[in-house]
Each structure stands twice: as structure tokens, then as C-alpha cells.
PDB file of N, CA and C in Angstrom:
ATOM      1  N   MET A   1       0.847  -1.179   0.000  1.00  0.00           N
ATOM      2  CA  MET A   1       0.000   0.000   0.000  1.00  0.00           C
ATOM      3  C   MET A   1       0.888   1.235   0.000  1.00  0.00           C
ATOM      4  N   LYS A   2       0.643   2.127  -0.964  1.00  0.00           N
ATOM      5  CA  LYS A   2       1.462   3.334  -1.071  1.00  0.00           C
ATOM      6  C   LYS A   2       0.876   4.464  -0.240  1.00  0.00           C
ATOM      7  N   ASN A   3       1.750   5.372   0.089  1.00  0.00           N
ATOM      8  CA  ASN A   3       1.346   6.588   0.767  1.00  0.00           C
ATOM      9  C   ASN A   3       0.490   7.403  -0.208  1.00  0.00           C
ATOM     10  N   PRO A   4      -0.716   7.850   0.200  1.00  0.00           N
ATOM     11  CA  PRO A   4      -1.588   8.603  -0.715  1.00  0.00           C
ATOM     12  C   PRO A   4      -0.933   9.854  -1.290  1.00  0.00           C
ATOM     13  N   ILE A   5      -0.120  10.529  -0.526  1.00  0.00           N
ATOM     14  CA  ILE A   5       0.542  11.746  -1.008  1.00  0.00           C
ATOM     15  C   ILE A   5       1.548  11.393  -2.103  1.00  0.00           C
ATOM     16  N   GLU A   6       2.282  10.299  -1.890  1.00  0.00           N
ATOM     17  CA  GLU A   6       3.241   9.839  -2.902  1.00  0.00           C
ATOM     18  C   GLU A   6       2.503   9.402  -4.172  1.00  0.00           C
ATOM     19  N   PHE A   7       1.377   8.742  -4.004  1.00  0.00           N
ATOM     20  CA  PHE A   7       0.568   8.306  -5.142  1.00  0.00           C
ATOM     21  C   PHE A   7       0.112   9.501  -5.980  1.00  0.00           C
ATOM     22  N   VAL A   8      -0.404  10.539  -5.327  1.00  0.00           N
ATOM     23  CA  VAL A   8      -0.859  11.744  -6.030  1.00  0.00           C
ATOM     24  C   VAL A   8       0.315  12.401  -6.738  1.00  0.00           C
ATOM     25  N   ARG A   9       1.461  12.435  -6.109  1.00  0.00           N
ATOM     26  CA  ARG A   9       2.658  13.032  -6.707  1.00  0.00           C
ATOM     27  C   ARG A   9       3.045  12.266  -7.981  1.00  0.00           C
ATOM     28  N   GLU A  10       2.989  10.929  -7.940  1.00  0.00           N
ATOM     29  CA  GLU A  10       3.324  10.118  -9.110  1.00  0.00           C
ATOM     30  C   GLU A  10       2.290  10.300 -10.225  1.00  0.00           C
ATOM     31  N   VAL A  11       1.041  10.425  -9.848  1.00  0.00           N
ATOM     32  CA  VAL A  11      -0.003  10.645 -10.846  1.00  0.00           C
ATOM     33  C   VAL A  11       0.219  11.974 -11.558  1.00  0.00           C
ATOM     34  N   ARG A  12       0.532  13.011 -10.821  1.00  0.00           N
ATOM     35  CA  ARG A  12       0.780  14.330 -11.428  1.00  0.00           C
ATOM     36  C   ARG A  12       2.006  14.275 -12.330  1.00  0.00           C
ATOM     37  N   GLN A  13       3.020  13.508 -11.916  1.00  0.00           N
ATOM     38  CA  GLN A  13       4.232  13.369 -12.720  1.00  0.00           C
ATOM     39  C   GLN A  13       3.911  12.655 -14.033  1.00  0.00           C
ATOM     40  N   GLU A  14       3.146  11.588 -13.973  1.00  0.00           N
ATOM     41  CA  GLU A  14       2.762  10.854 -15.186  1.00  0.00           C
ATOM     42  C   GLU A  14       1.856  11.696 -16.075  1.00  0.00           C
ATOM     43  N   ALA A  15       0.956  12.454 -15.479  1.00  0.00           N
ATOM     44  CA  ALA A  15       0.064  13.316 -16.260  1.00  0.00           C
ATOM     45  C   ALA A  15       0.859  14.383 -17.001  1.00  0.00           C
ATOM     46  N   GLY A  16       1.975  14.788 -16.470  1.00  0.00           N
ATOM     47  CA  GLY A  16       2.824  15.768 -17.134  1.00  0.00           C
ATOM     48  C   GLY A  16       3.489  15.214 -18.384  1.00  0.00           C
ATOM     49  N   LYS A  17       3.551  13.898 -18.530  1.00  0.00           N
ATOM     50  CA  LYS A  17       4.172  13.259 -19.690  1.00  0.00           C
ATOM     51  C   LYS A  17       3.214  13.138 -20.875  1.00  0.00           C
ATOM     52  N   ILE A  18       1.951  13.456 -20.667  1.00  0.00           N
ATOM     53  CA  ILE A  18       0.956  13.309 -21.722  1.00  0.00           C
ATOM     54  C   ILE A  18       1.201  14.356 -22.800  1.00  0.00           C
ATOM     55  N   THR A  19       1.179  13.913 -24.059  1.00  0.00           N
ATOM     56  CA  THR A  19       1.270  14.859 -25.171  1.00  0.00           C
ATOM     57  C   THR A  19      -0.104  14.889 -25.847  1.00  0.00           C
ATOM     58  N   TRP A  20      -0.709  16.060 -25.861  1.00  0.00           N
ATOM     59  CA  TRP A  20      -2.035  16.213 -26.425  1.00  0.00           C
ATOM     60  C   TRP A  20      -1.931  16.497 -27.911  1.00  0.00           C
ATOM     61  N   ALA A  21      -2.940  16.035 -28.656  1.00  0.00           N
ATOM     62  CA  ALA A  21      -2.971  16.284 -30.095  1.00  0.00           C
ATOM     63  C   ALA A  21      -3.216  17.770 -30.344  1.00  0.00           C
ATOM     64  N   GLY A  22      -2.604  18.267 -31.402  1.00  0.00           N
ATOM     65  CA  GLY A  22      -2.792  19.668 -31.759  1.00  0.00           C
ATOM     66  C   GLY A  22      -4.125  19.860 -32.478  1.00  0.00           C
ATOM     67  N   ARG A  23      -4.444  21.105 -32.746  1.00  0.00           N
ATOM     68  CA  ARG A  23      -5.721  21.431 -33.396  1.00  0.00           C
ATOM     69  C   ARG A  23      -5.809  20.800 -34.783  1.00  0.00           C
ATOM     70  N   ARG A  24      -4.724  20.899 -35.566  1.00  0.00           N
ATOM     71  CA  ARG A  24      -4.742  20.368 -36.927  1.00  0.00           C
ATOM     72  C   ARG A  24      -4.950  18.853 -36.909  1.00  0.00           C
ATOM     73  N   GLU A  25      -4.227  18.145 -36.058  1.00  0.00           N
ATOM     74  CA  GLU A  25      -4.348  16.697 -35.967  1.00  0.00           C
ATOM     75  C   GLU A  25      -5.764  16.295 -35.536  1.00  0.00           C
ATOM     76  N   THR A  26      -6.332  17.037 -34.618  1.00  0.00           N
ATOM     77  CA  THR A  26      -7.691  16.745 -34.156  1.00  0.00           C
ATOM     78  C   THR A  26      -8.705  16.938 -35.280  1.00  0.00           C
ATOM     79  N   VAL A  27      -8.560  18.019 -36.056  1.00  0.00           N
ATOM     80  CA  VAL A  27      -9.486  18.287 -37.155  1.00  0.00           C
ATOM     81  C   VAL A  27      -9.355  17.210 -38.236  1.00  0.00           C
ATOM     82  N   VAL A  28      -8.121  16.849 -38.582  1.00  0.00           N
ATOM     83  CA  VAL A  28      -7.904  15.826 -39.612  1.00  0.00           C
ATOM     84  C   VAL A  28      -8.457  14.478 -39.158  1.00  0.00           C
ATOM     85  N   THR A  29      -8.188  14.108 -37.927  1.00  0.00           N
ATOM     86  CA  THR A  29      -8.679  12.830 -37.409  1.00  0.00           C
ATOM     87  C   THR A  29     -10.200  12.805 -37.351  1.00  0.00           C
ATOM     88  N   THR A  30     -10.813  13.895 -36.926  1.00  0.00           N
ATOM     89  CA  THR A  30     -12.269  13.981 -36.878  1.00  0.00           C
ATOM     90  C   THR A  30     -12.860  13.846 -38.275  1.00  0.00           C
ATOM     91  N   GLY A  31     -12.242  14.510 -39.248  1.00  0.00           N
ATOM     92  CA  GLY A  31     -12.695  14.405 -40.632  1.00  0.00           C
ATOM     93  C   GLY A  31     -12.612  12.980 -41.139  1.00  0.00           C
ATOM     94  N   MET A  32     -11.515  12.293 -40.819  1.00  0.00           N
ATOM     95  CA  MET A  32     -11.359  10.894 -41.234  1.00  0.00           C
ATOM     96  C   MET A  32     -12.431  10.019 -40.614  1.00  0.00           C
ATOM     97  N   VAL A  33     -12.754  10.271 -39.362  1.00  0.00           N
ATOM     98  CA  VAL A  33     -13.798   9.484 -38.693  1.00  0.00           C
ATOM     99  C   VAL A  33     -15.133   9.683 -39.405  1.00  0.00           C
ATOM    100  N   PHE A  34     -15.479  10.926 -39.733  1.00  0.00           N
ATOM    101  CA  PHE A  34     -16.745  11.186 -40.432  1.00  0.00           C
ATOM    102  C   PHE A  34     -16.777  10.507 -41.799  1.00  0.00           C
ATOM    103  N   VAL A  35     -15.659  10.546 -42.522  1.00  0.00           N
ATOM    104  CA  VAL A  35     -15.601   9.910 -43.844  1.00  0.00           C
ATOM    105  C   VAL A  35     -15.796   8.404 -43.723  1.00  0.00           C
ATOM    106  N   PHE A  36     -15.089   7.765 -42.800  1.00  0.00           N
ATOM    107  CA  PHE A  36     -15.191   6.322 -42.667  1.00  0.00           C
ATOM    108  C   PHE A  36     -16.550   5.884 -42.132  1.00  0.00           C
ATOM    109  N   VAL A  37     -17.145   6.675 -41.252  1.00  0.00           N
ATOM    110  CA  VAL A  37     -18.492   6.356 -40.772  1.00  0.00           C
ATOM    111  C   VAL A  37     -19.491   6.449 -41.919  1.00  0.00           C
ATOM    112  N   THR A  38     -19.344   7.467 -42.764  1.00  0.00           N
ATOM    113  CA  THR A  38     -20.226   7.612 -43.922  1.00  0.00           C
ATOM    114  C   THR A  38     -20.055   6.440 -44.879  1.00  0.00           C
ATOM    115  N   LEU A  39     -18.803   6.063 -45.165  1.00  0.00           N
ATOM    116  CA  LEU A  39     -18.553   4.923 -46.045  1.00  0.00           C
ATOM    117  C   LEU A  39     -19.116   3.627 -45.458  1.00  0.00           C
ATOM    118  N   ALA A  40     -18.958   3.423 -44.171  1.00  0.00           N
ATOM    119  CA  ALA A  40     -19.498   2.223 -43.532  1.00  0.00           C
ATOM    120  C   ALA A  40     -21.016   2.220 -43.601  1.00  0.00           C
ATOM    121  N   ALA A  41     -21.642   3.365 -43.395  1.00  0.00           N
ATOM    122  CA  ALA A  41     -23.102   3.452 -43.458  1.00  0.00           C
ATOM    123  C   ALA A  41     -23.600   3.124 -44.857  1.00  0.00           C
ATOM    124  N   ILE A  42     -22.927   3.643 -45.873  1.00  0.00           N
ATOM    125  CA  ILE A  42     -23.323   3.354 -47.252  1.00  0.00           C
ATOM    126  C   ILE A  42     -23.121   1.871 -47.564  1.00  0.00           C
ATOM    127  N   PHE A  43     -22.002   1.317 -47.128  1.00  0.00           N
ATOM    128  CA  PHE A  43     -21.736  -0.106 -47.347  1.00  0.00           C
ATOM    129  C   PHE A  43     -22.831  -0.966 -46.721  1.00  0.00           C
ATOM    130  N   PHE A  44     -23.157  -0.713 -45.467  1.00  0.00           N
ATOM    131  CA  PHE A  44     -24.168  -1.528 -44.794  1.00  0.00           C
ATOM    132  C   PHE A  44     -25.558  -1.302 -45.374  1.00  0.00           C
ATOM    133  N   LEU A  45     -25.830  -0.106 -45.870  1.00  0.00           N
ATOM    134  CA  LEU A  45     -27.097   0.144 -46.555  1.00  0.00           C
ATOM    135  C   LEU A  45     -27.193  -0.724 -47.802  1.00  0.00           C
ATOM    136  N   LEU A  46     -26.127  -0.766 -48.589  1.00  0.00           N
ATOM    137  CA  LEU A  46     -26.132  -1.571 -49.808  1.00  0.00           C
ATOM    138  C   LEU A  46     -26.242  -3.069 -49.505  1.00  0.00           C
ATOM    139  N   VAL A  47     -25.515  -3.524 -48.501  1.00  0.00           N
ATOM    140  CA  VAL A  47     -25.588  -4.938 -48.110  1.00  0.00           C
ATOM    141  C   VAL A  47     -26.993  -5.274 -47.627  1.00  0.00           C
ATOM    142  N   ASP A  48     -27.584  -4.390 -46.829  1.00  0.00           N
ATOM    143  CA  ASP A  48     -28.940  -4.608 -46.331  1.00  0.00           C
ATOM    144  C   ASP A  48     -29.938  -4.667 -47.479  1.00  0.00           C
ATOM    145  N   GLN A  49     -29.798  -3.786 -48.453  1.00  0.00           N
ATOM    146  CA  GLN A  49     -30.700  -3.777 -49.599  1.00  0.00           C
ATOM    147  C   GLN A  49     -30.546  -5.064 -50.411  1.00  0.00           C
ATOM    148  N   ALA A  50     -29.319  -5.523 -50.590  1.00  0.00           N
ATOM    149  CA  ALA A  50     -29.081  -6.753 -51.342  1.00  0.00           C
ATOM    150  C   ALA A  50     -29.678  -7.960 -50.620  1.00  0.00           C
ATOM    151  N   ILE A  51     -29.460  -8.051 -49.338  1.00  0.00           N
ATOM    152  CA  ILE A  51     -30.018  -9.175 -48.575  1.00  0.00           C
ATOM    153  C   ILE A  51     -31.534  -9.116 -48.599  1.00  0.00           C
ATOM    154  N   SER A  52     -32.090  -7.926 -48.462  1.00  0.00           N
ATOM    155  CA  SER A  52     -33.538  -7.762 -48.502  1.00  0.00           C
ATOM    156  C   SER A  52     -34.098  -8.223 -49.845  1.00  0.00           C
ATOM    157  N   ALA A  53     -33.428  -7.874 -50.938  1.00  0.00           N
ATOM    158  CA  ALA A  53     -33.889  -8.284 -52.266  1.00  0.00           C
ATOM    159  C   ALA A  53     -33.838  -9.797 -52.417  1.00  0.00           C
ATOM    160  N   VAL A  54     -32.783 -10.423 -51.929  1.00  0.00           N
ATOM    161  CA  VAL A  54     -32.654 -11.878 -52.010  1.00  0.00           C
ATOM    162  C   VAL A  54     -33.747 -12.553 -51.192  1.00  0.00           C
ATOM    163  N   VAL A  55     -34.000 -12.079 -49.984  1.00  0.00           N
ATOM    164  CA  VAL A  55     -35.028 -12.674 -49.125  1.00  0.00           C
ATOM    165  C   VAL A  55     -36.405 -12.508 -49.760  1.00  0.00           C
ATOM    166  N   GLN A  56     -36.692 -11.334 -50.296  1.00  0.00           N
ATOM    167  CA  GLN A  56     -37.990 -11.123 -50.944  1.00  0.00           C
ATOM    168  C   GLN A  56     -38.151 -12.037 -52.151  1.00  0.00           C
ATOM    169  N   PHE A  57     -37.081 -12.220 -52.920  1.00  0.00           N
ATOM    170  CA  PHE A  57     -37.130 -13.121 -54.065  1.00  0.00           C
ATOM    171  C   PHE A  57     -37.411 -14.553 -53.614  1.00  0.00           C
ATOM    172  N   LEU A  58     -36.729 -14.986 -52.569  1.00  0.00           N
ATOM    173  CA  LEU A  58     -36.922 -16.351 -52.066  1.00  0.00           C
ATOM    174  C   LEU A  58     -38.330 -16.538 -51.504  1.00  0.00           C
ATOM    175  N   LEU A  59     -38.872 -15.515 -50.862  1.00  0.00           N
ATOM    176  CA  LEU A  59     -40.231 -15.639 -50.314  1.00  0.00           C
ATOM    177  C   LEU A  59     -41.281 -15.683 -51.412  1.00  0.00           C
ATOM    178  N   ARG A  60     -41.007 -15.066 -52.544  1.00  0.00           N
ATOM    179  CA  ARG A  60     -41.951 -15.128 -53.673  1.00  0.00           C
ATOM    180  C   ARG A  60     -41.967 -16.517 -54.295  1.00  0.00           C
ATOM    181  N   LEU A  61     -40.888 -17.268 -54.173  1.00  0.00           N
ATOM    182  CA  LEU A  61     -40.822 -18.606 -54.743  1.00  0.00           C
ATOM    183  C   LEU A  61     -41.661 -19.600 -53.957  1.00  0.00           C
ATOM    184  N   ILE A  62     -41.881 -19.314 -52.710  1.00  0.00           N
ATOM    185  CA  ILE A  62     -42.597 -20.262 -51.834  1.00  0.00           C
ATOM    186  C   ILE A  62     -44.080 -20.202 -52.069  1.00  0.00           C
TER     187      ILE A  62
END
């Protein structure tokens, strides 16, 4: 069990080592996330439509 004061001191020391992303990196990364989410949504929409068409075709055969 560590001394609470020593623990807080170590936490502050480790927190000082954190390097935060800059504004440009944050904007670029956010843009990439939006692009990939949009592409994934379109992909799953197309897959859903294809599966739906196949199921409807199979149900008409019965």
C-alpha cells in the first residue's frame, strides 16, 4: 500500500508526460472518422438492400 501523497505526486508526474494532439491533428482525425463512418453506413445500406432483395425473391418462390 502506497502513501496517498506519494501516489498523487506520481499521478501528477505521469500526467505531465501526456502529449495532447494539436488542433490540426484533431481536425484531420475527426474528418477521417466522419468519412469512414459515412462509407461504412453506405456499405451496410447496400448490403442490407441486397439481402432484402434476395429474401424477398426467395419468399416469392414459396
